[in-house]
Amino acid sequence: METADDRVETIRNEGRLTLLGEHGIPFSFDDDLVLHRRKTLPYHANGMTLWAYDAQGTELLSKTYYSVGGGFVVDEDAVGADRIKLDDTVLKYPSARATSCCASPGRRACRSPR
């Protein structure tokens, strides 16, 4: 049985991605996959936008999807349809990095698990 890691390795080695199991397109992890580590989409932190272009580079379609937990994925059309909930949780120690969270007043020092 092929694993996700096996499939990724095949795509990387062949430089092709097969759509719907039958239509192969050129694909480069370096050129065609962009990870924005410091940017989030407006409705949920765990999301992705996919674009489709024709051979001339003209955009044919753009679609955003959100993974909302429990194995569920919804598209941007679900926004406001009681399927995506904006996360407005007030954090006691708001931080983008664990080191600054551990250094917050009232917090015990964090130790590195060595």
PDB file of N, CA and C in Angstrom:
ATOM      1  N   MET A   1       0.844  -1.179   0.000  1.00  0.00           N
ATOM      2  CA  MET A   1       0.000   0.000   0.000  1.00  0.00           C
ATOM      3  C   MET A   1       0.892   1.246   0.000  1.00  0.00           C
ATOM      4  N   GLU A   2       0.599   2.170  -0.890  1.00  0.00           N
ATOM      5  CA  GLU A   2       1.380   3.403  -1.005  1.00  0.00           C
ATOM      6  C   GLU A   2       1.019   4.362   0.129  1.00  0.00           C
ATOM      7  N   THR A   3       2.050   4.934   0.757  1.00  0.00           N
ATOM      8  CA  THR A   3       1.831   5.916   1.821  1.00  0.00           C
ATOM      9  C   THR A   3       1.889   7.317   1.225  1.00  0.00           C
ATOM     10  N   ALA A   4       1.501   8.303   2.018  1.00  0.00           N
ATOM     11  CA  ALA A   4       1.588   9.697   1.576  1.00  0.00           C
ATOM     12  C   ALA A   4       3.039  10.060   1.277  1.00  0.00           C
ATOM     13  N   ASP A   5       3.968   9.599   2.123  1.00  0.00           N
ATOM     14  CA  ASP A   5       5.390   9.875   1.885  1.00  0.00           C
ATOM     15  C   ASP A   5       5.856   9.267   0.567  1.00  0.00           C
ATOM     16  N   ASP A   6       5.390   8.052   0.255  1.00  0.00           N
ATOM     17  CA  ASP A   6       5.737   7.412  -1.023  1.00  0.00           C
ATOM     18  C   ASP A   6       5.220   8.243  -2.192  1.00  0.00           C
ATOM     19  N   ARG A   7       4.000   8.715  -2.072  1.00  0.00           N
ATOM     20  CA  ARG A   7       3.383   9.502  -3.154  1.00  0.00           C
ATOM     21  C   ARG A   7       4.125  10.809  -3.367  1.00  0.00           C
ATOM     22  N   VAL A   8       4.480  11.487  -2.277  1.00  0.00           N
ATOM     23  CA  VAL A   8       5.228  12.744  -2.373  1.00  0.00           C
ATOM     24  C   VAL A   8       6.566  12.494  -3.050  1.00  0.00           C
ATOM     25  N   GLU A   9       7.235  11.430  -2.682  1.00  0.00           N
ATOM     26  CA  GLU A   9       8.534  11.103  -3.289  1.00  0.00           C
ATOM     27  C   GLU A   9       8.389  10.822  -4.783  1.00  0.00           C
ATOM     28  N   THR A  10       7.332  10.129  -5.171  1.00  0.00           N
ATOM     29  CA  THR A  10       7.082   9.861  -6.592  1.00  0.00           C
ATOM     30  C   THR A  10       6.854  11.159  -7.358  1.00  0.00           C
ATOM     31  N   ILE A  11       6.039  12.048  -6.793  1.00  0.00           N
ATOM     32  CA  ILE A  11       5.773  13.339  -7.437  1.00  0.00           C
ATOM     33  C   ILE A  11       7.059  14.137  -7.566  1.00  0.00           C
ATOM     34  N   ARG A  12       7.858  14.150  -6.506  1.00  0.00           N
ATOM     35  CA  ARG A  12       9.130  14.886  -6.529  1.00  0.00           C
ATOM     36  C   ARG A  12      10.075  14.304  -7.590  1.00  0.00           C
ATOM     37  N   ASN A  13      10.189  12.992  -7.650  1.00  0.00           N
ATOM     38  CA  ASN A  13      11.104  12.349  -8.603  1.00  0.00           C
ATOM     39  C   ASN A  13      10.651  12.496 -10.050  1.00  0.00           C
ATOM     40  N   GLU A  14       9.349  12.381 -10.281  1.00  0.00           N
ATOM     41  CA  GLU A  14       8.823  12.451 -11.651  1.00  0.00           C
ATOM     42  C   GLU A  14       8.576  13.878 -12.119  1.00  0.00           C
ATOM     43  N   GLY A  15       8.426  14.815 -11.177  1.00  0.00           N
ATOM     44  CA  GLY A  15       8.131  16.193 -11.552  1.00  0.00           C
ATOM     45  C   GLY A  15       6.751  16.331 -12.168  1.00  0.00           C
ATOM     46  N   ARG A  16       5.855  15.418 -11.787  1.00  0.00           N
ATOM     47  CA  ARG A  16       4.494  15.433 -12.320  1.00  0.00           C
ATOM     48  C   ARG A  16       3.506  15.123 -11.209  1.00  0.00           C
ATOM     49  N   LEU A  17       2.335  15.743 -11.335  1.00  0.00           N
ATOM     50  CA  LEU A  17       1.239  15.514 -10.412  1.00  0.00           C
ATOM     51  C   LEU A  17       0.077  14.990 -11.247  1.00  0.00           C
ATOM     52  N   THR A  18      -0.519  13.884 -10.827  1.00  0.00           N
ATOM     53  CA  THR A  18      -1.626  13.306 -11.584  1.00  0.00           C
ATOM     54  C   THR A  18      -2.942  13.729 -10.947  1.00  0.00           C
ATOM     55  N   LEU A  19      -3.779  14.402 -11.731  1.00  0.00           N
ATOM     56  CA  LEU A  19      -5.078  14.876 -11.267  1.00  0.00           C
ATOM     57  C   LEU A  19      -6.146  13.843 -11.583  1.00  0.00           C
ATOM     58  N   LEU A  20      -6.947  13.527 -10.578  1.00  0.00           N
ATOM     59  CA  LEU A  20      -8.027  12.546 -10.714  1.00  0.00           C
ATOM     60  C   LEU A  20      -7.529  11.201 -11.223  1.00  0.00           C
ATOM     61  N   GLY A  21      -6.255  10.915 -10.987  1.00  0.00           N
ATOM     62  CA  GLY A  21      -5.687   9.635 -11.363  1.00  0.00           C
ATOM     63  C   GLY A  21      -5.478   9.432 -12.848  1.00  0.00           C
ATOM     64  N   GLU A  22      -5.688  10.483 -13.657  1.00  0.00           N
ATOM     65  CA  GLU A  22      -5.569  10.280 -15.107  1.00  0.00           C
ATOM     66  C   GLU A  22      -4.932  11.420 -15.893  1.00  0.00           C
ATOM     67  N   HIS A  23      -4.897  12.614 -15.353  1.00  0.00           N
ATOM     68  CA  HIS A  23      -4.379  13.756 -16.108  1.00  0.00           C
ATOM     69  C   HIS A  23      -3.115  14.272 -15.439  1.00  0.00           C
ATOM     70  N   GLY A  24      -1.961  13.996 -16.049  1.00  0.00           N
ATOM     71  CA  GLY A  24      -0.692  14.426 -15.483  1.00  0.00           C
ATOM     72  C   GLY A  24      -0.346  15.859 -15.875  1.00  0.00           C
ATOM     73  N   ILE A  25       0.162  16.607 -14.899  1.00  0.00           N
ATOM     74  CA  ILE A  25       0.625  17.970 -15.162  1.00  0.00           C
ATOM     75  C   ILE A  25       2.023  18.133 -14.572  1.00  0.00           C
ATOM     76  N   PRO A  26       2.841  19.016 -15.146  1.00  0.00           N
ATOM     77  CA  PRO A  26       4.155  19.280 -14.547  1.00  0.00           C
ATOM     78  C   PRO A  26       3.978  19.869 -13.149  1.00  0.00           C
ATOM     79  N   PHE A  27       4.850  19.463 -12.221  1.00  0.00           N
ATOM     80  CA  PHE A  27       4.766  19.987 -10.858  1.00  0.00           C
ATOM     81  C   PHE A  27       6.148  20.024 -10.239  1.00  0.00           C
ATOM     82  N   SER A  28       6.502  21.186  -9.692  1.00  0.00           N
ATOM     83  CA  SER A  28       7.777  21.372  -9.009  1.00  0.00           C
ATOM     84  C   SER A  28       7.494  21.844  -7.589  1.00  0.00           C
ATOM     85  N   PHE A  29       7.997  21.092  -6.607  1.00  0.00           N
ATOM     86  CA  PHE A  29       7.794  21.513  -5.219  1.00  0.00           C
ATOM     87  C   PHE A  29       8.405  22.888  -4.977  1.00  0.00           C
ATOM     88  N   ASP A  30       9.539  23.163  -5.602  1.00  0.00           N
ATOM     89  CA  ASP A  30      10.214  24.446  -5.392  1.00  0.00           C
ATOM     90  C   ASP A  30       9.466  25.616  -6.023  1.00  0.00           C
ATOM     91  N   ASP A  31       8.836  25.395  -7.164  1.00  0.00           N
ATOM     92  CA  ASP A  31       8.181  26.488  -7.890  1.00  0.00           C
ATOM     93  C   ASP A  31       6.670  26.552  -7.687  1.00  0.00           C
ATOM     94  N   ASP A  32       6.039  25.403  -7.452  1.00  0.00           N
ATOM     95  CA  ASP A  32       4.582  25.345  -7.463  1.00  0.00           C
ATOM     96  C   ASP A  32       3.931  25.223  -6.091  1.00  0.00           C
ATOM     97  N   LEU A  33       4.724  25.062  -5.054  1.00  0.00           N
ATOM     98  CA  LEU A  33       4.189  24.941  -3.706  1.00  0.00           C
ATOM     99  C   LEU A  33       4.787  26.050  -2.855  1.00  0.00           C
ATOM    100  N   VAL A  34       3.936  26.945  -2.368  1.00  0.00           N
ATOM    101  CA  VAL A  34       4.403  28.078  -1.572  1.00  0.00           C
ATOM    102  C   VAL A  34       3.795  27.965  -0.183  1.00  0.00           C
ATOM    103  N   LEU A  35       4.643  27.892   0.827  1.00  0.00           N
ATOM    104  CA  LEU A  35       4.188  27.827   2.211  1.00  0.00           C
ATOM    105  C   LEU A  35       4.444  29.173   2.865  1.00  0.00           C
ATOM    106  N   HIS A  36       3.389  29.800   3.339  1.00  0.00           N
ATOM    107  CA  HIS A  36       3.503  31.077   4.040  1.00  0.00           C
ATOM    108  C   HIS A  36       3.454  30.786   5.536  1.00  0.00           C
ATOM    109  N   ARG A  37       4.595  30.727   6.145  1.00  0.00           N
ATOM    110  CA  ARG A  37       4.655  30.359   7.561  1.00  0.00           C
ATOM    111  C   ARG A  37       4.209  31.489   8.481  1.00  0.00           C
ATOM    112  N   ARG A  38       4.246  32.710   8.031  1.00  0.00           N
ATOM    113  CA  ARG A  38       3.899  33.837   8.891  1.00  0.00           C
ATOM    114  C   ARG A  38       2.601  34.523   8.456  1.00  0.00           C
ATOM    115  N   LYS A  39       1.886  33.926   7.507  1.00  0.00           N
ATOM    116  CA  LYS A  39       0.625  34.498   7.046  1.00  0.00           C
ATOM    117  C   LYS A  39      -0.485  33.481   7.272  1.00  0.00           C
ATOM    118  N   THR A  40      -1.664  33.967   7.613  1.00  0.00           N
ATOM    119  CA  THR A  40      -2.819  33.089   7.733  1.00  0.00           C
ATOM    120  C   THR A  40      -3.943  33.630   6.867  1.00  0.00           C
ATOM    121  N   LEU A  41      -4.838  32.767   6.547  1.00  0.00           N
ATOM    122  CA  LEU A  41      -6.021  33.163   5.791  1.00  0.00           C
ATOM    123  C   LEU A  41      -7.025  33.800   6.750  1.00  0.00           C
ATOM    124  N   PRO A  42      -7.979  34.564   6.236  1.00  0.00           N
ATOM    125  CA  PRO A  42      -8.830  35.379   7.102  1.00  0.00           C
ATOM    126  C   PRO A  42      -9.765  34.620   8.045  1.00  0.00           C
ATOM    127  N   TYR A  43     -10.205  33.428   7.709  1.00  0.00           N
ATOM    128  CA  TYR A  43     -11.247  32.787   8.502  1.00  0.00           C
ATOM    129  C   TYR A  43     -10.773  31.652   9.390  1.00  0.00           C
ATOM    130  N   HIS A  44      -9.599  31.127   9.125  1.00  0.00           N
ATOM    131  CA  HIS A  44      -9.100  30.007   9.920  1.00  0.00           C
ATOM    132  C   HIS A  44      -7.610  29.862   9.646  1.00  0.00           C
ATOM    133  N   ALA A  45      -6.857  29.530  10.682  1.00  0.00           N
ATOM    134  CA  ALA A  45      -5.398  29.441  10.532  1.00  0.00           C
ATOM    135  C   ALA A  45      -4.966  28.255   9.686  1.00  0.00           C
ATOM    136  N   ASN A  46      -5.776  27.224   9.624  1.00  0.00           N
ATOM    137  CA  ASN A  46      -5.372  26.013   8.910  1.00  0.00           C
ATOM    138  C   ASN A  46      -6.112  25.943   7.570  1.00  0.00           C
ATOM    139  N   GLY A  47      -5.556  26.632   6.584  1.00  0.00           N
ATOM    140  CA  GLY A  47      -6.207  26.663   5.286  1.00  0.00           C
ATOM    141  C   GLY A  47      -5.213  26.730   4.156  1.00  0.00           C
ATOM    142  N   MET A  48      -5.717  26.585   2.948  1.00  0.00           N
ATOM    143  CA  MET A  48      -4.869  26.708   1.767  1.00  0.00           C
ATOM    144  C   MET A  48      -5.686  27.214   0.587  1.00  0.00           C
ATOM    145  N   THR A  49      -4.995  27.935  -0.273  1.00  0.00           N
ATOM    146  CA  THR A  49      -5.609  28.401  -1.506  1.00  0.00           C
ATOM    147  C   THR A  49      -4.916  27.711  -2.670  1.00  0.00           C
ATOM    148  N   LEU A  50      -5.707  27.199  -3.586  1.00  0.00           N
ATOM    149  CA  LEU A  50      -5.201  26.527  -4.777  1.00  0.00           C
ATOM    150  C   LEU A  50      -5.550  27.371  -5.992  1.00  0.00           C
ATOM    151  N   TRP A  51      -4.613  27.453  -6.929  1.00  0.00           N
ATOM    152  CA  TRP A  51      -4.839  28.158  -8.182  1.00  0.00           C
ATOM    153  C   TRP A  51      -4.604  27.199  -9.333  1.00  0.00           C
ATOM    154  N   ALA A  52      -5.388  27.347 -10.386  1.00  0.00           N
ATOM    155  CA  ALA A  52      -5.191  26.577 -11.617  1.00  0.00           C
ATOM    156  C   ALA A  52      -4.948  27.567 -12.749  1.00  0.00           C
ATOM    157  N   TYR A  53      -3.925  27.281 -13.549  1.00  0.00           N
ATOM    158  CA  TYR A  53      -3.547  28.148 -14.669  1.00  0.00           C
ATOM    159  C   TYR A  53      -3.533  27.337 -15.950  1.00  0.00           C
ATOM    160  N   ASP A  54      -3.788  28.006 -17.085  1.00  0.00           N
ATOM    161  CA  ASP A  54      -3.666  27.329 -18.367  1.00  0.00           C
ATOM    162  C   ASP A  54      -2.215  27.378 -18.827  1.00  0.00           C
ATOM    163  N   ALA A  55      -1.948  26.822 -19.995  1.00  0.00           N
ATOM    164  CA  ALA A  55      -0.577  26.733 -20.510  1.00  0.00           C
ATOM    165  C   ALA A  55       0.058  28.104 -20.719  1.00  0.00           C
ATOM    166  N   GLN A  56      -0.740  29.149 -20.902  1.00  0.00           N
ATOM    167  CA  GLN A  56      -0.213  30.496 -21.100  1.00  0.00           C
ATOM    168  C   GLN A  56      -0.027  31.247 -19.775  1.00  0.00           C
ATOM    169  N   GLY A  57      -0.413  30.623 -18.654  1.00  0.00           N
ATOM    170  CA  GLY A  57      -0.251  31.264 -17.358  1.00  0.00           C
ATOM    171  C   GLY A  57      -1.454  32.082 -16.908  1.00  0.00           C
ATOM    172  N   THR A  58      -2.555  31.986 -17.631  1.00  0.00           N
ATOM    173  CA  THR A  58      -3.770  32.697 -17.254  1.00  0.00           C
ATOM    174  C   THR A  58      -4.495  31.917 -16.160  1.00  0.00           C
ATOM    175  N   GLU A  59      -4.876  32.611 -15.090  1.00  0.00           N
ATOM    176  CA  GLU A  59      -5.575  31.933 -13.996  1.00  0.00           C
ATOM    177  C   GLU A  59      -6.949  31.473 -14.454  1.00  0.00           C
ATOM    178  N   LEU A  60      -7.234  30.185 -14.230  1.00  0.00           N
ATOM    179  CA  LEU A  60      -8.518  29.607 -14.582  1.00  0.00           C
ATOM    180  C   LEU A  60      -9.444  29.505 -13.374  1.00  0.00           C
ATOM    181  N   LEU A  61      -8.858  29.250 -12.197  1.00  0.00           N
ATOM    182  CA  LEU A  61      -9.658  29.026 -11.005  1.00  0.00           C
ATOM    183  C   LEU A  61      -8.806  29.274  -9.771  1.00  0.00           C
ATOM    184  N   SER A  62      -9.430  29.819  -8.762  1.00  0.00           N
ATOM    185  CA  SER A  62      -8.790  30.000  -7.456  1.00  0.00           C
ATOM    186  C   SER A  62      -9.809  29.578  -6.405  1.00  0.00           C
ATOM    187  N   LYS A  63      -9.396  28.733  -5.474  1.00  0.00           N
ATOM    188  CA  LYS A  63     -10.326  28.230  -4.459  1.00  0.00           C
ATOM    189  C   LYS A  63      -9.591  28.072  -3.134  1.00  0.00           C
ATOM    190  N   THR A  64     -10.224  28.499  -2.046  1.00  0.00           N
ATOM    191  CA  THR A  64      -9.636  28.396  -0.717  1.00  0.00           C
ATOM    192  C   THR A  64     -10.394  27.348   0.088  1.00  0.00           C
ATOM    193  N   TYR A  65      -9.632  26.510   0.784  1.00  0.00           N
ATOM    194  CA  TYR A  65     -10.181  25.454   1.626  1.00  0.00           C
ATOM    195  C   TYR A  65      -9.641  25.597   3.047  1.00  0.00           C
ATOM    196  N   TYR A  66     -10.461  25.209   4.027  1.00  0.00           N
ATOM    197  CA  TYR A  66     -10.072  25.270   5.429  1.00  0.00           C
ATOM    198  C   TYR A  66     -10.269  23.904   6.072  1.00  0.00           C
ATOM    199  N   SER A  67      -9.278  23.460   6.817  1.00  0.00           N
ATOM    200  CA  SER A  67      -9.403  22.262   7.633  1.00  0.00           C
ATOM    201  C   SER A  67      -9.899  22.722   8.997  1.00  0.00           C
ATOM    202  N   VAL A  68     -11.121  22.344   9.341  1.00  0.00           N
ATOM    203  CA  VAL A  68     -11.762  22.893  10.529  1.00  0.00           C
ATOM    204  C   VAL A  68     -11.827  21.902  11.683  1.00  0.00           C
ATOM    205  N   GLY A  69     -11.058  20.843  11.600  1.00  0.00           N
ATOM    206  CA  GLY A  69     -10.980  19.884  12.696  1.00  0.00           C
ATOM    207  C   GLY A  69     -11.887  18.691  12.485  1.00  0.00           C
ATOM    208  N   GLY A  70     -11.532  17.623  13.157  1.00  0.00           N
ATOM    209  CA  GLY A  70     -12.336  16.406  13.078  1.00  0.00           C
ATOM    210  C   GLY A  70     -12.308  15.749  11.713  1.00  0.00           C
ATOM    211  N   GLY A  71     -11.310  16.080  10.896  1.00  0.00           N
ATOM    212  CA  GLY A  71     -11.222  15.524   9.554  1.00  0.00           C
ATOM    213  C   GLY A  71     -12.075  16.250   8.532  1.00  0.00           C
ATOM    214  N   PHE A  72     -12.655  17.374   8.923  1.00  0.00           N
ATOM    215  CA  PHE A  72     -13.537  18.111   8.021  1.00  0.00           C
ATOM    216  C   PHE A  72     -12.785  19.201   7.277  1.00  0.00           C
ATOM    217  N   VAL A  73     -13.063  19.316   5.988  1.00  0.00           N
ATOM    218  CA  VAL A  73     -12.516  20.378   5.144  1.00  0.00           C
ATOM    219  C   VAL A  73     -13.702  21.067   4.482  1.00  0.00           C
ATOM    220  N   VAL A  74     -13.724  22.399   4.570  1.00  0.00           N
ATOM    221  CA  VAL A  74     -14.790  23.168   3.932  1.00  0.00           C
ATOM    222  C   VAL A  74     -14.165  24.209   3.015  1.00  0.00           C
ATOM    223  N   ASP A  75     -14.923  24.663   2.048  1.00  0.00           N
ATOM    224  CA  ASP A  75     -14.394  25.696   1.161  1.00  0.00           C
ATOM    225  C   ASP A  75     -14.833  27.074   1.649  1.00  0.00           C
ATOM    226  N   GLU A  76     -14.328  28.092   0.977  1.00  0.00           N
ATOM    227  CA  GLU A  76     -14.598  29.471   1.405  1.00  0.00           C
ATOM    228  C   GLU A  76     -16.078  29.829   1.334  1.00  0.00           C
ATOM    229  N   ASP A  77     -16.852  29.090   0.557  1.00  0.00           N
ATOM    230  CA  ASP A  77     -18.286  29.351   0.468  1.00  0.00           C
ATOM    231  C   ASP A  77     -18.999  29.026   1.779  1.00  0.00           C
ATOM    232  N   ALA A  78     -18.352  28.260   2.654  1.00  0.00           N
ATOM    233  CA  ALA A  78     -18.955  27.886   3.933  1.00  0.00           C
ATOM    234  C   ALA A  78     -18.808  28.984   4.981  1.00  0.00           C
ATOM    235  N   VAL A  79     -18.040  30.023   4.680  1.00  0.00           N
ATOM    236  CA  VAL A  79     -17.843  31.112   5.641  1.00  0.00           C
ATOM    237  C   VAL A  79     -19.186  31.741   5.971  1.00  0.00           C
ATOM    238  N   GLY A  80     -19.471  31.854   7.251  1.00  0.00           N
ATOM    239  CA  GLY A  80     -20.735  32.434   7.693  1.00  0.00           C
ATOM    240  C   GLY A  80     -21.900  31.473   7.651  1.00  0.00           C
ATOM    241  N   ALA A  81     -21.678  30.248   7.224  1.00  0.00           N
ATOM    242  CA  ALA A  81     -22.753  29.267   7.136  1.00  0.00           C
ATOM    243  C   ALA A  81     -22.747  28.344   8.347  1.00  0.00           C
ATOM    244  N   ASP A  82     -22.219  28.842   9.466  1.00  0.00           N
ATOM    245  CA  ASP A  82     -22.183  28.098  10.722  1.00  0.00           C
ATOM    246  C   ASP A  82     -21.325  26.842  10.621  1.00  0.00           C
ATOM    247  N   ARG A  83     -20.392  26.835   9.678  1.00  0.00           N
ATOM    248  CA  ARG A  83     -19.471  25.711   9.576  1.00  0.00           C
ATOM    249  C   ARG A  83     -18.057  26.123   9.933  1.00  0.00           C
ATOM    250  N   ILE A  84     -17.739  27.402   9.730  1.00  0.00           N
ATOM    251  CA  ILE A  84     -16.437  27.924  10.131  1.00  0.00           C
ATOM    252  C   ILE A  84     -16.686  28.927  11.241  1.00  0.00           C
ATOM    253  N   LYS A  85     -16.029  28.726  12.346  1.00  0.00           N
ATOM    254  CA  LYS A  85     -16.154  29.635  13.474  1.00  0.00           C
ATOM    255  C   LYS A  85     -14.855  30.415  13.600  1.00  0.00           C
ATOM    256  N   LEU A  86     -14.953  31.748  13.570  1.00  0.00           N
ATOM    257  CA  LEU A  86     -13.766  32.567  13.795  1.00  0.00           C
ATOM    258  C   LEU A  86     -13.249  32.282  15.196  1.00  0.00           C
ATOM    259  N   ASP A  87     -11.954  32.101  15.320  1.00  0.00           N
ATOM    260  CA  ASP A  87     -11.352  31.808  16.615  1.00  0.00           C
ATOM    261  C   ASP A  87     -11.037  33.118  17.311  1.00  0.00           C
ATOM    262  N   ASP A  88     -11.915  33.527  18.218  1.00  0.00           N
ATOM    263  CA  ASP A  88     -11.719  34.781  18.938  1.00  0.00           C
ATOM    264  C   ASP A  88     -11.340  34.518  20.395  1.00  0.00           C
ATOM    265  N   THR A  89     -10.769  33.337  20.648  1.00  0.00           N
ATOM    266  CA  THR A  89     -10.343  32.972  21.996  1.00  0.00           C
ATOM    267  C   THR A  89      -9.293  33.951  22.493  1.00  0.00           C
ATOM    268  N   VAL A  90      -9.529  34.507  23.673  1.00  0.00           N
ATOM    269  CA  VAL A  90      -8.549  35.397  24.284  1.00  0.00           C
ATOM    270  C   VAL A  90      -7.533  34.519  25.011  1.00  0.00           C
ATOM    271  N   LEU A  91      -6.292  34.616  24.590  1.00  0.00           N
ATOM    272  CA  LEU A  91      -5.246  33.798  25.181  1.00  0.00           C
ATOM    273  C   LEU A  91      -4.694  34.464  26.436  1.00  0.00           C
ATOM    274  N   LYS A  92      -4.492  33.662  27.468  1.00  0.00           N
ATOM    275  CA  LYS A  92      -3.961  34.196  28.717  1.00  0.00           C
ATOM    276  C   LYS A  92      -2.538  34.707  28.521  1.00  0.00           C
ATOM    277  N   TYR A  93      -1.757  33.999  27.724  1.00  0.00           N
ATOM    278  CA  TYR A  93      -0.377  34.390  27.418  1.00  0.00           C
ATOM    279  C   TYR A  93      -0.211  34.435  25.902  1.00  0.00           C
ATOM    280  N   PRO A  94      -0.733  35.468  25.232  1.00  0.00           N
ATOM    281  CA  PRO A  94      -0.634  35.509  23.770  1.00  0.00           C
ATOM    282  C   PRO A  94       0.819  35.587  23.322  1.00  0.00           C
ATOM    283  N   SER A  95       1.163  34.769  22.349  1.00  0.00           N
ATOM    284  CA  SER A  95       2.535  34.727  21.873  1.00  0.00           C
ATOM    285  C   SER A  95       2.593  33.980  20.562  1.00  0.00           C
ATOM    286  N   ALA A  96       3.532  34.375  19.724  1.00  0.00           N
ATOM    287  CA  ALA A  96       3.741  33.668  18.469  1.00  0.00           C
ATOM    288  C   ALA A  96       4.868  32.651  18.598  1.00  0.00           C
ATOM    289  N   ARG A  97       5.625  32.712  19.699  1.00  0.00           N
ATOM    290  CA  ARG A  97       6.762  31.806  19.890  1.00  0.00           C
ATOM    291  C   ARG A  97       6.732  31.244  21.308  1.00  0.00           C
ATOM    292  N   ALA A  98       7.105  29.989  21.435  1.00  0.00           N
ATOM    293  CA  ALA A  98       7.113  29.353  22.752  1.00  0.00           C
ATOM    294  C   ALA A  98       8.086  30.038  23.701  1.00  0.00           C
ATOM    295  N   THR A  99       9.210  30.518  23.191  1.00  0.00           N
ATOM    296  CA  THR A  99      10.200  31.136  24.079  1.00  0.00           C
ATOM    297  C   THR A  99       9.645  32.384  24.748  1.00  0.00           C
ATOM    298  N   SER A 100       8.877  33.194  24.021  1.00  0.00           N
ATOM    299  CA  SER A 100       8.320  34.390  24.636  1.00  0.00           C
ATOM    300  C   SER A 100       7.168  34.034  25.570  1.00  0.00           C
ATOM    301  N   CYS A 101       6.445  32.972  25.272  1.00  0.00           N
ATOM    302  CA  CYS A 101       5.371  32.523  26.150  1.00  0.00           C
ATOM    303  C   CYS A 101       5.949  32.064  27.482  1.00  0.00           C
ATOM    304  N   CYS A 102       7.019  31.305  27.440  1.00  0.00           N
ATOM    305  CA  CYS A 102       7.639  30.800  28.663  1.00  0.00           C
ATOM    306  C   CYS A 102       8.248  31.922  29.484  1.00  0.00           C
ATOM    307  N   ALA A 103       8.614  33.010  28.830  1.00  0.00           N
ATOM    308  CA  ALA A 103       9.236  34.130  29.534  1.00  0.00           C
ATOM    309  C   ALA A 103       8.212  35.131  30.061  1.00  0.00           C
ATOM    310  N   SER A 104       6.927  34.886  29.810  1.00  0.00           N
ATOM    311  CA  SER A 104       5.883  35.801  30.258  1.00  0.00           C
ATOM    312  C   SER A 104       5.848  35.880  31.776  1.00  0.00           C
ATOM    313  N   PRO A 105       5.487  37.045  32.323  1.00  0.00           N
ATOM    314  CA  PRO A 105       5.373  37.182  33.781  1.00  0.00           C
ATOM    315  C   PRO A 105       4.403  36.143  34.333  1.00  0.00           C
ATOM    316  N   GLY A 106       4.757  35.548  35.437  1.00  0.00           N
ATOM    317  CA  GLY A 106       3.890  34.566  36.060  1.00  0.00           C
ATOM    318  C   GLY A 106       4.062  33.158  35.524  1.00  0.00           C
ATOM    319  N   ARG A 107       4.871  32.984  34.518  1.00  0.00           N
ATOM    320  CA  ARG A 107       5.103  31.655  33.947  1.00  0.00           C
ATOM    321  C   ARG A 107       6.421  31.105  34.454  1.00  0.00           C
ATOM    322  N   ARG A 108       6.453  29.827  34.670  1.00  0.00           N
ATOM    323  CA  ARG A 108       7.706  29.192  35.058  1.00  0.00           C
ATOM    324  C   ARG A 108       8.599  29.068  33.829  1.00  0.00           C
ATOM    325  N   ALA A 109       9.877  29.063  34.048  1.00  0.00           N
ATOM    326  CA  ALA A 109      10.824  28.921  32.942  1.00  0.00           C
ATOM    327  C   ALA A 109      10.634  27.580  32.257  1.00  0.00           C
ATOM    328  N   CYS A 110      10.718  27.588  30.946  1.00  0.00           N
ATOM    329  CA  CYS A 110      10.599  26.358  30.172  1.00  0.00           C
ATOM    330  C   CYS A 110      11.958  25.692  30.041  1.00  0.00           C
ATOM    331  N   ARG A 111      11.941  24.403  29.982  1.00  0.00           N
ATOM    332  CA  ARG A 111      13.189  23.666  29.789  1.00  0.00           C
ATOM    333  C   ARG A 111      13.121  22.943  28.457  1.00  0.00           C
ATOM    334  N   SER A 112      14.263  22.871  27.812  1.00  0.00           N
ATOM    335  CA  SER A 112      14.352  22.158  26.554  1.00  0.00           C
ATOM    336  C   SER A 112      14.377  20.663  26.837  1.00  0.00           C
ATOM    337  N   PRO A 113      13.561  19.865  26.132  1.00  0.00           N
ATOM    338  CA  PRO A 113      13.553  18.414  26.354  1.00  0.00           C
ATOM    339  C   PRO A 113      14.753  17.769  25.691  1.00  0.00           C
ATOM    340  N   ARG A 114      15.837  17.648  26.402  1.00  0.00           N
ATOM    341  CA  ARG A 114      17.069  17.063  25.831  1.00  0.00           C
ATOM    342  C   ARG A 114      17.250  15.646  26.255  1.00  0.00           C
TER     343      ARG A 114
END
